[in-house]
Amino acid sequence: RQDTVVVLHSLTDYRRTLPLEKTGE
């Protein structure tokens, strides 16, 4: 699903981060 693919965005640019909303990490 498109809303699932959006999760990838922050890992595919200079940020290289993945926010875990449920844990705050």
PDB file of all heavy atoms in Angstrom:
ATOM      1  N   ARG A   1       0.837  -1.196   0.000  1.00  0.00           N
ATOM      2  CA  ARG A   1       0.000   0.000   0.000  1.00  0.00           C
ATOM      3  C   ARG A   1       0.872   1.247   0.000  1.00  0.00           C
ATOM      4  O   ARG A   1       1.986   1.247   0.517  1.00  0.00           O
ATOM      5  CB  ARG A   1      -0.909   0.011   1.240  1.00  0.00           C
ATOM      6  CG  ARG A   1      -1.801  -1.206   1.363  1.00  0.00           C
ATOM      7  CD  ARG A   1      -2.934  -0.930   2.361  1.00  0.00           C
ATOM      8  NE  ARG A   1      -2.425  -0.443   3.642  1.00  0.00           N
ATOM      9  CZ  ARG A   1      -2.439  -1.182   4.754  1.00  0.00           C
ATOM     10  NH1 ARG A   1      -2.898  -2.417   4.726  1.00  0.00           N
ATOM     11  NH2 ARG A   1      -2.003  -0.669   5.890  1.00  0.00           N
ATOM     12  N   GLN A   2       0.354   2.337  -0.589  1.00  0.00           N
ATOM     13  CA  GLN A   2       1.123   3.574  -0.676  1.00  0.00           C
ATOM     14  C   GLN A   2       1.471   4.118   0.702  1.00  0.00           C
ATOM     15  O   GLN A   2       2.564   4.654   0.911  1.00  0.00           O
ATOM     16  CB  GLN A   2       0.336   4.627  -1.476  1.00  0.00           C
ATOM     17  CG  GLN A   2       0.262   4.354  -2.966  1.00  0.00           C
ATOM     18  CD  GLN A   2       1.606   4.515  -3.657  1.00  0.00           C
ATOM     19  OE1 GLN A   2       2.556   5.033  -3.095  1.00  0.00           O
ATOM     20  NE2 GLN A   2       1.691   4.048  -4.898  1.00  0.00           N
ATOM     21  N   ASP A   3       0.551   3.988   1.671  1.00  0.00           N
ATOM     22  CA  ASP A   3       0.850   4.506   3.002  1.00  0.00           C
ATOM     23  C   ASP A   3       1.951   3.704   3.682  1.00  0.00           C
ATOM     24  O   ASP A   3       2.620   4.191   4.601  1.00  0.00           O
ATOM     25  CB  ASP A   3      -0.415   4.530   3.870  1.00  0.00           C
ATOM     26  CG  ASP A   3      -1.018   3.139   4.048  1.00  0.00           C
ATOM     27  OD1 ASP A   3      -0.982   2.355   3.090  1.00  0.00           O
ATOM     28  OD2 ASP A   3      -1.520   2.846   5.146  1.00  0.00           O
ATOM     29  N   THR A   4       2.157   2.468   3.225  1.00  0.00           N
ATOM     30  CA  THR A   4       3.254   1.655   3.746  1.00  0.00           C
ATOM     31  C   THR A   4       4.581   2.087   3.125  1.00  0.00           C
ATOM     32  O   THR A   4       5.601   2.199   3.817  1.00  0.00           O
ATOM     33  CB  THR A   4       3.007   0.171   3.456  1.00  0.00           C
ATOM     34  OG1 THR A   4       1.778  -0.230   4.072  1.00  0.00           O
ATOM     35  CG2 THR A   4       4.132  -0.699   3.978  1.00  0.00           C
ATOM     36  N   VAL A   5       4.562   2.371   1.829  1.00  0.00           N
ATOM     37  CA  VAL A   5       5.782   2.752   1.121  1.00  0.00           C
ATOM     38  C   VAL A   5       6.337   4.070   1.647  1.00  0.00           C
ATOM     39  O   VAL A   5       7.561   4.284   1.673  1.00  0.00           O
ATOM     40  CB  VAL A   5       5.505   2.843  -0.394  1.00  0.00           C
ATOM     41  CG1 VAL A   5       6.725   3.348  -1.156  1.00  0.00           C
ATOM     42  CG2 VAL A   5       5.084   1.478  -0.941  1.00  0.00           C
ATOM     43  N   VAL A   6       5.458   4.958   2.109  1.00  0.00           N
ATOM     44  CA  VAL A   6       5.912   6.253   2.616  1.00  0.00           C
ATOM     45  C   VAL A   6       6.880   6.090   3.787  1.00  0.00           C
ATOM     46  O   VAL A   6       7.752   6.941   4.012  1.00  0.00           O
ATOM     47  CB  VAL A   6       4.687   7.109   3.029  1.00  0.00           C
ATOM     48  CG1 VAL A   6       5.131   8.369   3.760  1.00  0.00           C
ATOM     49  CG2 VAL A   6       3.877   7.496   1.798  1.00  0.00           C
ATOM     50  N   VAL A   7       6.773   4.999   4.524  1.00  0.00           N
ATOM     51  CA  VAL A   7       7.662   4.743   5.657  1.00  0.00           C
ATOM     52  C   VAL A   7       9.128   4.723   5.208  1.00  0.00           C
ATOM     53  O   VAL A   7      10.036   5.005   5.993  1.00  0.00           O
ATOM     54  CB  VAL A   7       7.282   3.404   6.335  1.00  0.00           C
ATOM     55  CG1 VAL A   7       8.275   3.023   7.419  1.00  0.00           C
ATOM     56  CG2 VAL A   7       5.887   3.489   6.915  1.00  0.00           C
ATOM     57  N   LEU A   8       9.361   4.394   3.936  1.00  0.00           N
ATOM     58  CA  LEU A   8      10.721   4.261   3.432  1.00  0.00           C
ATOM     59  C   LEU A   8      11.421   5.594   3.230  1.00  0.00           C
ATOM     60  O   LEU A   8      12.651   5.648   3.153  1.00  0.00           O
ATOM     61  CB  LEU A   8      10.710   3.503   2.095  1.00  0.00           C
ATOM     62  CG  LEU A   8       9.959   2.177   2.031  1.00  0.00           C
ATOM     63  CD1 LEU A   8      10.004   1.630   0.616  1.00  0.00           C
ATOM     64  CD2 LEU A   8      10.545   1.180   3.018  1.00  0.00           C
ATOM     65  N   HIS A   9      10.659   6.678   3.104  1.00  0.00           N
ATOM     66  CA  HIS A   9      11.229   7.946   2.644  1.00  0.00           C
ATOM     67  C   HIS A   9      12.394   8.432   3.493  1.00  0.00           C
ATOM     68  O   HIS A   9      13.422   8.863   2.961  1.00  0.00           O
ATOM     69  CB  HIS A   9      10.134   9.015   2.573  1.00  0.00           C
ATOM     70  CG  HIS A   9       9.231   8.836   1.404  1.00  0.00           C
ATOM     71  ND1 HIS A   9       8.303   9.783   1.016  1.00  0.00           N
ATOM     72  CD2 HIS A   9       9.094   7.817   0.523  1.00  0.00           C
ATOM     73  CE1 HIS A   9       7.648   9.354  -0.046  1.00  0.00           C
ATOM     74  NE2 HIS A   9       8.106   8.156  -0.363  1.00  0.00           N
ATOM     75  N   SER A  10      12.254   8.388   4.806  1.00  0.00           N
ATOM     76  CA  SER A  10      13.315   8.949   5.650  1.00  0.00           C
ATOM     77  C   SER A  10      14.592   8.113   5.632  1.00  0.00           C
ATOM     78  O   SER A  10      15.658   8.582   6.057  1.00  0.00           O
ATOM     79  CB  SER A  10      12.826   9.103   7.090  1.00  0.00           C
ATOM     80  OG  SER A  10      12.460   7.848   7.636  1.00  0.00           O
ATOM     81  N   LEU A  11      14.494   6.877   5.128  1.00  0.00           N
ATOM     82  CA  LEU A  11      15.678   6.020   5.025  1.00  0.00           C
ATOM     83  C   LEU A  11      16.366   6.149   3.677  1.00  0.00           C
ATOM     84  O   LEU A  11      17.451   5.590   3.480  1.00  0.00           O
ATOM     85  CB  LEU A  11      15.294   4.561   5.256  1.00  0.00           C
ATOM     86  CG  LEU A  11      15.068   4.136   6.702  1.00  0.00           C
ATOM     87  CD1 LEU A  11      14.444   2.735   6.756  1.00  0.00           C
ATOM     88  CD2 LEU A  11      16.363   4.160   7.501  1.00  0.00           C
ATOM     89  N   THR A  12      15.750   6.862   2.742  1.00  0.00           N
ATOM     90  CA  THR A  12      16.277   6.916   1.381  1.00  0.00           C
ATOM     91  C   THR A  12      16.843   8.281   1.017  1.00  0.00           C
ATOM     92  O   THR A  12      17.094   8.542  -0.158  1.00  0.00           O
ATOM     93  CB  THR A  12      15.179   6.533   0.371  1.00  0.00           C
ATOM     94  OG1 THR A  12      14.033   7.373   0.577  1.00  0.00           O
ATOM     95  CG2 THR A  12      14.776   5.082   0.515  1.00  0.00           C
ATOM     96  N   ASP A  13      17.022   9.155   2.009  1.00  0.00           N
ATOM     97  CA  ASP A  13      17.672  10.434   1.732  1.00  0.00           C
ATOM     98  C   ASP A  13      18.774  10.660   2.764  1.00  0.00           C
ATOM     99  O   ASP A  13      19.188   9.730   3.456  1.00  0.00           O
ATOM    100  CB  ASP A  13      16.655  11.587   1.698  1.00  0.00           C
ATOM    101  CG  ASP A  13      15.858  11.732   2.992  1.00  0.00           C
ATOM    102  OD1 ASP A  13      16.373  11.329   4.057  1.00  0.00           O
ATOM    103  OD2 ASP A  13      14.727  12.240   2.947  1.00  0.00           O
ATOM    104  N   TYR A  14      19.234  11.891   2.876  1.00  0.00           N
ATOM    105  CA  TYR A  14      20.380  12.188   3.736  1.00  0.00           C
ATOM    106  C   TYR A  14      20.137  11.852   5.200  1.00  0.00           C
ATOM    107  O   TYR A  14      21.091  11.634   5.964  1.00  0.00           O
ATOM    108  CB  TYR A  14      20.734  13.673   3.610  1.00  0.00           C
ATOM    109  CG  TYR A  14      19.701  14.594   4.222  1.00  0.00           C
ATOM    110  CD1 TYR A  14      19.823  15.042   5.534  1.00  0.00           C
ATOM    111  CD2 TYR A  14      18.585  14.996   3.489  1.00  0.00           C
ATOM    112  CE1 TYR A  14      18.871  15.876   6.105  1.00  0.00           C
ATOM    113  CE2 TYR A  14      17.623  15.825   4.045  1.00  0.00           C
ATOM    114  CZ  TYR A  14      17.771  16.252   5.350  1.00  0.00           C
ATOM    115  OH  TYR A  14      16.811  17.064   5.909  1.00  0.00           O
ATOM    116  N   ARG A  15      18.867  11.778   5.627  1.00  0.00           N
ATOM    117  CA  ARG A  15      18.583  11.520   7.041  1.00  0.00           C
ATOM    118  C   ARG A  15      18.965  10.107   7.453  1.00  0.00           C
ATOM    119  O   ARG A  15      19.499   9.885   8.530  1.00  0.00           O
ATOM    120  CB  ARG A  15      17.095  11.756   7.323  1.00  0.00           C
ATOM    121  CG  ARG A  15      16.671  13.204   7.199  1.00  0.00           C
ATOM    122  CD  ARG A  15      15.156  13.320   7.274  1.00  0.00           C
ATOM    123  NE  ARG A  15      14.506  12.769   6.087  1.00  0.00           N
ATOM    124  CZ  ARG A  15      13.191  12.687   5.919  1.00  0.00           C
ATOM    125  NH1 ARG A  15      12.381  13.096   6.896  1.00  0.00           N
ATOM    126  NH2 ARG A  15      12.677  12.196   4.802  1.00  0.00           N
ATOM    127  N   ARG A  16      18.635   9.128   6.629  1.00  0.00           N
ATOM    128  CA  ARG A  16      18.880   7.720   6.937  1.00  0.00           C
ATOM    129  C   ARG A  16      18.390   7.377   8.350  1.00  0.00           C
ATOM    130  O   ARG A  16      19.098   6.782   9.158  1.00  0.00           O
ATOM    131  CB  ARG A  16      20.366   7.367   6.779  1.00  0.00           C
ATOM    132  CG  ARG A  16      20.775   7.235   5.329  1.00  0.00           C
ATOM    133  CD  ARG A  16      22.259   7.021   5.160  1.00  0.00           C
ATOM    134  NE  ARG A  16      22.758   5.839   5.840  1.00  0.00           N
ATOM    135  CZ  ARG A  16      22.714   4.594   5.341  1.00  0.00           C
ATOM    136  NH1 ARG A  16      22.156   4.370   4.171  1.00  0.00           N
ATOM    137  NH2 ARG A  16      23.229   3.588   6.024  1.00  0.00           N
ATOM    138  N   THR A  17      17.162   7.751   8.605  1.00  0.00           N
ATOM    139  CA  THR A  17      16.559   7.494   9.909  1.00  0.00           C
ATOM    140  C   THR A  17      15.228   6.788   9.736  1.00  0.00           C
ATOM    141  O   THR A  17      14.592   6.866   8.677  1.00  0.00           O
ATOM    142  CB  THR A  17      16.338   8.796  10.696  1.00  0.00           C
ATOM    143  OG1 THR A  17      15.477   9.669   9.940  1.00  0.00           O
ATOM    144  CG2 THR A  17      17.651   9.496  10.988  1.00  0.00           C
ATOM    145  N   LEU A  18      14.798   6.114  10.805  1.00  0.00           N
ATOM    146  CA  LEU A  18      13.497   5.462  10.815  1.00  0.00           C
ATOM    147  C   LEU A  18      12.839   5.741  12.166  1.00  0.00           C
ATOM    148  O   LEU A  18      13.281   5.227  13.195  1.00  0.00           O
ATOM    149  CB  LEU A  18      13.644   3.950  10.616  1.00  0.00           C
ATOM    150  CG  LEU A  18      12.337   3.147  10.639  1.00  0.00           C
ATOM    151  CD1 LEU A  18      11.442   3.547   9.470  1.00  0.00           C
ATOM    152  CD2 LEU A  18      12.628   1.654  10.595  1.00  0.00           C
ATOM    153  N   PRO A  19      11.808   6.586  12.189  1.00  0.00           N
ATOM    154  CA  PRO A  19      11.133   6.861  13.463  1.00  0.00           C
ATOM    155  C   PRO A  19      10.180   5.724  13.836  1.00  0.00           C
ATOM    156  O   PRO A  19       9.416   5.241  13.003  1.00  0.00           O
ATOM    157  CB  PRO A  19      10.360   8.153  13.168  1.00  0.00           C
ATOM    158  CG  PRO A  19      10.127   8.141  11.690  1.00  0.00           C
ATOM    159  CD  PRO A  19      11.286   7.402  11.083  1.00  0.00           C
ATOM    160  N   LEU A  20      10.261   5.306  15.089  1.00  0.00           N
ATOM    161  CA  LEU A  20       9.317   4.324  15.624  1.00  0.00           C
ATOM    162  C   LEU A  20       8.293   5.085  16.450  1.00  0.00           C
ATOM    163  O   LEU A  20       8.525   5.414  17.624  1.00  0.00           O
ATOM    164  CB  LEU A  20      10.047   3.282  16.480  1.00  0.00           C
ATOM    165  CG  LEU A  20      11.199   2.527  15.810  1.00  0.00           C
ATOM    166  CD1 LEU A  20      11.786   1.495  16.772  1.00  0.00           C
ATOM    167  CD2 LEU A  20      10.740   1.859  14.524  1.00  0.00           C
ATOM    168  N   GLU A  21       7.165   5.388  15.835  1.00  0.00           N
ATOM    169  CA  GLU A  21       6.186   6.248  16.486  1.00  0.00           C
ATOM    170  C   GLU A  21       5.654   5.638  17.777  1.00  0.00           C
ATOM    171  O   GLU A  21       5.364   6.353  18.744  1.00  0.00           O
ATOM    172  CB  GLU A  21       5.030   6.540  15.522  1.00  0.00           C
ATOM    173  CG  GLU A  21       5.447   7.362  14.297  1.00  0.00           C
ATOM    174  CD  GLU A  21       4.281   7.665  13.390  1.00  0.00           C
ATOM    175  OE1 GLU A  21       3.144   7.253  13.743  1.00  0.00           O
ATOM    176  OE2 GLU A  21       4.480   8.306  12.342  1.00  0.00           O
ATOM    177  N   LYS A  22       5.531   4.331  17.820  1.00  0.00           N
ATOM    178  CA  LYS A  22       4.925   3.696  18.989  1.00  0.00           C
ATOM    179  C   LYS A  22       5.852   3.659  20.198  1.00  0.00           C
ATOM    180  O   LYS A  22       5.400   3.500  21.327  1.00  0.00           O
ATOM    181  CB  LYS A  22       4.471   2.280  18.633  1.00  0.00           C
ATOM    182  CG  LYS A  22       3.313   2.251  17.645  1.00  0.00           C
ATOM    183  CD  LYS A  22       2.849   0.831  17.367  1.00  0.00           C
ATOM    184  CE  LYS A  22       1.671   0.828  16.411  1.00  0.00           C
ATOM    185  NZ  LYS A  22       1.191  -0.550  16.117  1.00  0.00           N
ATOM    186  N   THR A  23       7.159   3.782  19.966  1.00  0.00           N
ATOM    187  CA  THR A  23       8.104   3.764  21.085  1.00  0.00           C
ATOM    188  C   THR A  23       8.783   5.110  21.305  1.00  0.00           C
ATOM    189  O   THR A  23       9.400   5.324  22.345  1.00  0.00           O
ATOM    190  CB  THR A  23       9.208   2.711  20.849  1.00  0.00           C
ATOM    191  OG1 THR A  23      10.033   3.134  19.748  1.00  0.00           O
ATOM    192  CG2 THR A  23       8.614   1.346  20.541  1.00  0.00           C
ATOM    193  N   GLY A  24       8.696   6.005  20.333  1.00  0.00           N
ATOM    194  CA  GLY A  24       9.372   7.284  20.429  1.00  0.00           C
ATOM    195  C   GLY A  24      10.835   7.232  20.049  1.00  0.00           C
ATOM    196  O   GLY A  24      11.542   8.230  20.130  1.00  0.00           O
ATOM    197  N   GLU A  25      11.302   6.081  19.584  1.00  0.00           N
ATOM    198  CA  GLU A  25      12.712   5.932  19.216  1.00  0.00           C
ATOM    199  C   GLU A  25      12.944   6.381  17.782  1.00  0.00           C
ATOM    200  O   GLU A  25      12.101   6.191  16.907  1.00  0.00           O
ATOM    201  CB  GLU A  25      13.150   4.476  19.371  1.00  0.00           C
ATOM    202  CG  GLU A  25      14.615   4.246  19.037  1.00  0.00           C
ATOM    203  CD  GLU A  25      15.015   2.783  19.107  1.00  0.00           C
ATOM    204  OE1 GLU A  25      14.137   1.927  19.372  1.00  0.00           O
ATOM    205  OE2 GLU A  25      16.209   2.481  18.883  1.00  0.00           O
TER     206      GLU A  25
END
